[in-house]
N, C-alpha and C. Protein backbone atom coordinates (compact mmCIF):
# COMPACT_ATOMS: atom_id res chain seq x y z
N MET A 1 -19.77 -6.47 -10.42
CA MET A 1 -19.63 -6.84 -11.81
C MET A 1 -20.92 -6.51 -12.53
N CYS A 2 -20.80 -5.89 -13.65
CA CYS A 2 -21.95 -5.51 -14.44
C CYS A 2 -22.69 -6.76 -14.90
N PRO A 3 -24.03 -6.79 -14.76
CA PRO A 3 -24.80 -7.97 -15.16
C PRO A 3 -24.60 -8.37 -16.62
N SER A 4 -24.29 -7.40 -17.48
CA SER A 4 -24.11 -7.73 -18.89
C SER A 4 -22.70 -8.21 -19.20
N ALA A 5 -21.80 -8.09 -18.23
CA ALA A 5 -20.42 -8.54 -18.45
C ALA A 5 -20.38 -10.06 -18.53
N ASN A 6 -19.62 -10.55 -19.46
CA ASN A 6 -19.44 -11.99 -19.62
C ASN A 6 -17.95 -12.26 -19.52
N PRO A 7 -17.42 -12.31 -18.29
CA PRO A 7 -15.96 -12.43 -18.15
C PRO A 7 -15.43 -13.76 -18.65
N ASN A 8 -14.24 -13.71 -19.19
CA ASN A 8 -13.55 -14.89 -19.68
C ASN A 8 -12.62 -15.37 -18.58
N PHE A 9 -13.09 -16.30 -17.75
CA PHE A 9 -12.31 -16.80 -16.63
C PHE A 9 -11.22 -17.74 -17.10
N ARG A 10 -10.08 -17.68 -16.41
CA ARG A 10 -8.97 -18.59 -16.67
C ARG A 10 -8.48 -19.14 -15.33
N LYS A 11 -7.93 -20.31 -15.34
CA LYS A 11 -7.42 -20.92 -14.11
C LYS A 11 -6.17 -20.16 -13.67
N SER A 12 -6.09 -19.86 -12.41
CA SER A 12 -4.94 -19.17 -11.86
C SER A 12 -3.69 -20.01 -12.06
N SER A 13 -2.61 -19.37 -12.47
CA SER A 13 -1.35 -20.10 -12.67
C SER A 13 -0.76 -20.58 -11.36
N TYR A 14 -1.21 -20.04 -10.24
CA TYR A 14 -0.72 -20.46 -8.93
C TYR A 14 -1.50 -21.65 -8.37
N SER A 15 -2.51 -22.11 -9.07
CA SER A 15 -3.34 -23.20 -8.56
C SER A 15 -2.70 -24.57 -8.72
N GLY A 16 -1.79 -24.71 -9.66
CA GLY A 16 -1.17 -26.02 -9.89
C GLY A 16 -2.06 -26.88 -10.77
N GLY A 17 -1.50 -27.93 -11.32
CA GLY A 17 -2.25 -28.77 -12.24
C GLY A 17 -2.74 -30.08 -11.66
N GLN A 18 -2.32 -30.43 -10.47
CA GLN A 18 -2.63 -31.74 -9.91
C GLN A 18 -3.79 -31.74 -8.93
N THR A 19 -4.42 -30.62 -8.73
CA THR A 19 -5.47 -30.53 -7.72
C THR A 19 -6.73 -29.87 -8.28
N GLN A 20 -7.83 -30.16 -7.65
CA GLN A 20 -9.09 -29.54 -8.04
C GLN A 20 -9.33 -28.25 -7.26
N ASP A 21 -8.47 -27.97 -6.27
CA ASP A 21 -8.62 -26.78 -5.44
C ASP A 21 -7.94 -25.61 -6.13
N CYS A 22 -8.70 -24.85 -6.87
CA CYS A 22 -8.10 -23.73 -7.57
C CYS A 22 -9.10 -22.59 -7.71
N VAL A 23 -8.56 -21.47 -8.10
CA VAL A 23 -9.40 -20.31 -8.36
C VAL A 23 -9.29 -19.94 -9.82
N GLU A 24 -10.28 -19.23 -10.29
CA GLU A 24 -10.29 -18.72 -11.65
C GLU A 24 -10.33 -17.20 -11.58
N VAL A 25 -9.67 -16.57 -12.54
CA VAL A 25 -9.55 -15.12 -12.57
C VAL A 25 -10.02 -14.63 -13.93
N ALA A 26 -10.71 -13.49 -13.94
CA ALA A 26 -11.10 -12.84 -15.19
C ALA A 26 -10.77 -11.36 -15.08
N ASP A 27 -10.28 -10.80 -16.17
CA ASP A 27 -10.00 -9.37 -16.22
C ASP A 27 -11.19 -8.64 -16.79
N LEU A 28 -11.59 -7.59 -16.10
CA LEU A 28 -12.64 -6.70 -16.59
C LEU A 28 -12.06 -5.30 -16.67
N PRO A 29 -12.69 -4.41 -17.41
CA PRO A 29 -12.19 -3.04 -17.43
C PRO A 29 -12.20 -2.43 -16.01
N GLY A 30 -11.02 -2.17 -15.49
CA GLY A 30 -10.91 -1.55 -14.19
C GLY A 30 -10.94 -2.48 -13.00
N SER A 31 -11.04 -3.80 -13.23
CA SER A 31 -11.08 -4.72 -12.09
C SER A 31 -10.69 -6.14 -12.52
N ALA A 32 -10.49 -6.98 -11.50
CA ALA A 32 -10.28 -8.41 -11.70
C ALA A 32 -11.34 -9.13 -10.88
N VAL A 33 -11.81 -10.26 -11.39
CA VAL A 33 -12.84 -11.03 -10.71
C VAL A 33 -12.27 -12.42 -10.42
N VAL A 34 -12.45 -12.88 -9.18
CA VAL A 34 -11.93 -14.17 -8.74
C VAL A 34 -13.09 -15.03 -8.27
N ARG A 35 -13.07 -16.31 -8.64
CA ARG A 35 -14.12 -17.24 -8.19
C ARG A 35 -13.52 -18.61 -7.94
N ASP A 36 -14.24 -19.41 -7.19
CA ASP A 36 -13.86 -20.79 -6.90
C ASP A 36 -14.21 -21.64 -8.11
N SER A 37 -13.23 -22.37 -8.65
CA SER A 37 -13.48 -23.16 -9.85
C SER A 37 -14.43 -24.33 -9.60
N GLN A 38 -14.52 -24.79 -8.35
CA GLN A 38 -15.44 -25.89 -8.05
C GLN A 38 -16.88 -25.43 -7.93
N HIS A 39 -17.08 -24.14 -7.70
CA HIS A 39 -18.43 -23.59 -7.55
C HIS A 39 -18.56 -22.28 -8.34
N PRO A 40 -18.40 -22.35 -9.66
CA PRO A 40 -18.41 -21.12 -10.45
C PRO A 40 -19.76 -20.40 -10.46
N ASP A 41 -20.81 -21.10 -10.08
CA ASP A 41 -22.13 -20.49 -10.08
C ASP A 41 -22.38 -19.67 -8.81
N LEU A 42 -21.52 -19.84 -7.82
CA LEU A 42 -21.68 -19.09 -6.58
C LEU A 42 -21.03 -17.71 -6.71
N SER A 43 -20.92 -17.03 -5.64
CA SER A 43 -20.43 -15.67 -5.63
C SER A 43 -18.99 -15.55 -6.12
N HIS A 44 -18.57 -14.34 -6.37
CA HIS A 44 -17.22 -14.03 -6.82
C HIS A 44 -16.71 -12.83 -6.02
N LEU A 45 -15.44 -12.56 -6.15
CA LEU A 45 -14.80 -11.43 -5.51
C LEU A 45 -14.28 -10.51 -6.60
N GLU A 46 -14.74 -9.27 -6.61
CA GLU A 46 -14.26 -8.29 -7.58
C GLU A 46 -13.31 -7.34 -6.89
N VAL A 47 -12.13 -7.16 -7.48
CA VAL A 47 -11.07 -6.35 -6.90
C VAL A 47 -10.69 -5.26 -7.89
N PRO A 48 -10.55 -4.01 -7.43
CA PRO A 48 -10.08 -2.95 -8.34
C PRO A 48 -8.75 -3.34 -8.98
N ALA A 49 -8.56 -2.97 -10.23
CA ALA A 49 -7.36 -3.36 -10.97
C ALA A 49 -6.08 -2.93 -10.26
N SER A 50 -6.06 -1.76 -9.66
CA SER A 50 -4.85 -1.29 -8.97
C SER A 50 -4.52 -2.18 -7.78
N GLU A 51 -5.53 -2.61 -7.07
CA GLU A 51 -5.31 -3.51 -5.92
C GLU A 51 -4.87 -4.90 -6.38
N TRP A 52 -5.43 -5.36 -7.48
CA TRP A 52 -5.05 -6.67 -8.04
C TRP A 52 -3.58 -6.66 -8.45
N ARG A 53 -3.17 -5.58 -9.14
CA ARG A 53 -1.77 -5.47 -9.56
C ARG A 53 -0.84 -5.46 -8.34
N ALA A 54 -1.24 -4.76 -7.28
CA ALA A 54 -0.43 -4.71 -6.06
C ALA A 54 -0.32 -6.10 -5.43
N LEU A 55 -1.41 -6.84 -5.40
CA LEU A 55 -1.39 -8.20 -4.85
C LEU A 55 -0.45 -9.09 -5.65
N ILE A 56 -0.57 -9.06 -6.96
CA ILE A 56 0.27 -9.90 -7.82
C ILE A 56 1.74 -9.52 -7.65
N ALA A 57 2.05 -8.23 -7.57
CA ALA A 57 3.43 -7.79 -7.38
C ALA A 57 3.98 -8.30 -6.05
N THR A 58 3.16 -8.27 -5.01
CA THR A 58 3.59 -8.74 -3.71
C THR A 58 3.84 -10.25 -3.71
N VAL A 59 2.95 -11.00 -4.34
CA VAL A 59 3.12 -12.45 -4.43
C VAL A 59 4.38 -12.80 -5.20
N ARG A 60 4.61 -12.11 -6.29
CA ARG A 60 5.79 -12.41 -7.12
C ARG A 60 7.09 -12.06 -6.40
N SER A 61 7.06 -11.08 -5.54
CA SER A 61 8.30 -10.66 -4.86
C SER A 61 8.59 -11.50 -3.61
N ALA A 62 7.63 -12.30 -3.20
CA ALA A 62 7.82 -13.10 -1.98
C ALA A 62 8.67 -14.33 -2.20
């Protein structure tokens, strides 16, 4: 992730509303960034946009 990027994280819709165990996702040009909502200051996982779309399609079809 580019140091100047200021991603707008949102809570994953698959996290549910009754728990604190969730992830946050932000869209960047060409990638998606995922982080733990309980520790947003720690590391994140950046995934190429094509791979993110494939993951979401697989989850939705399951």
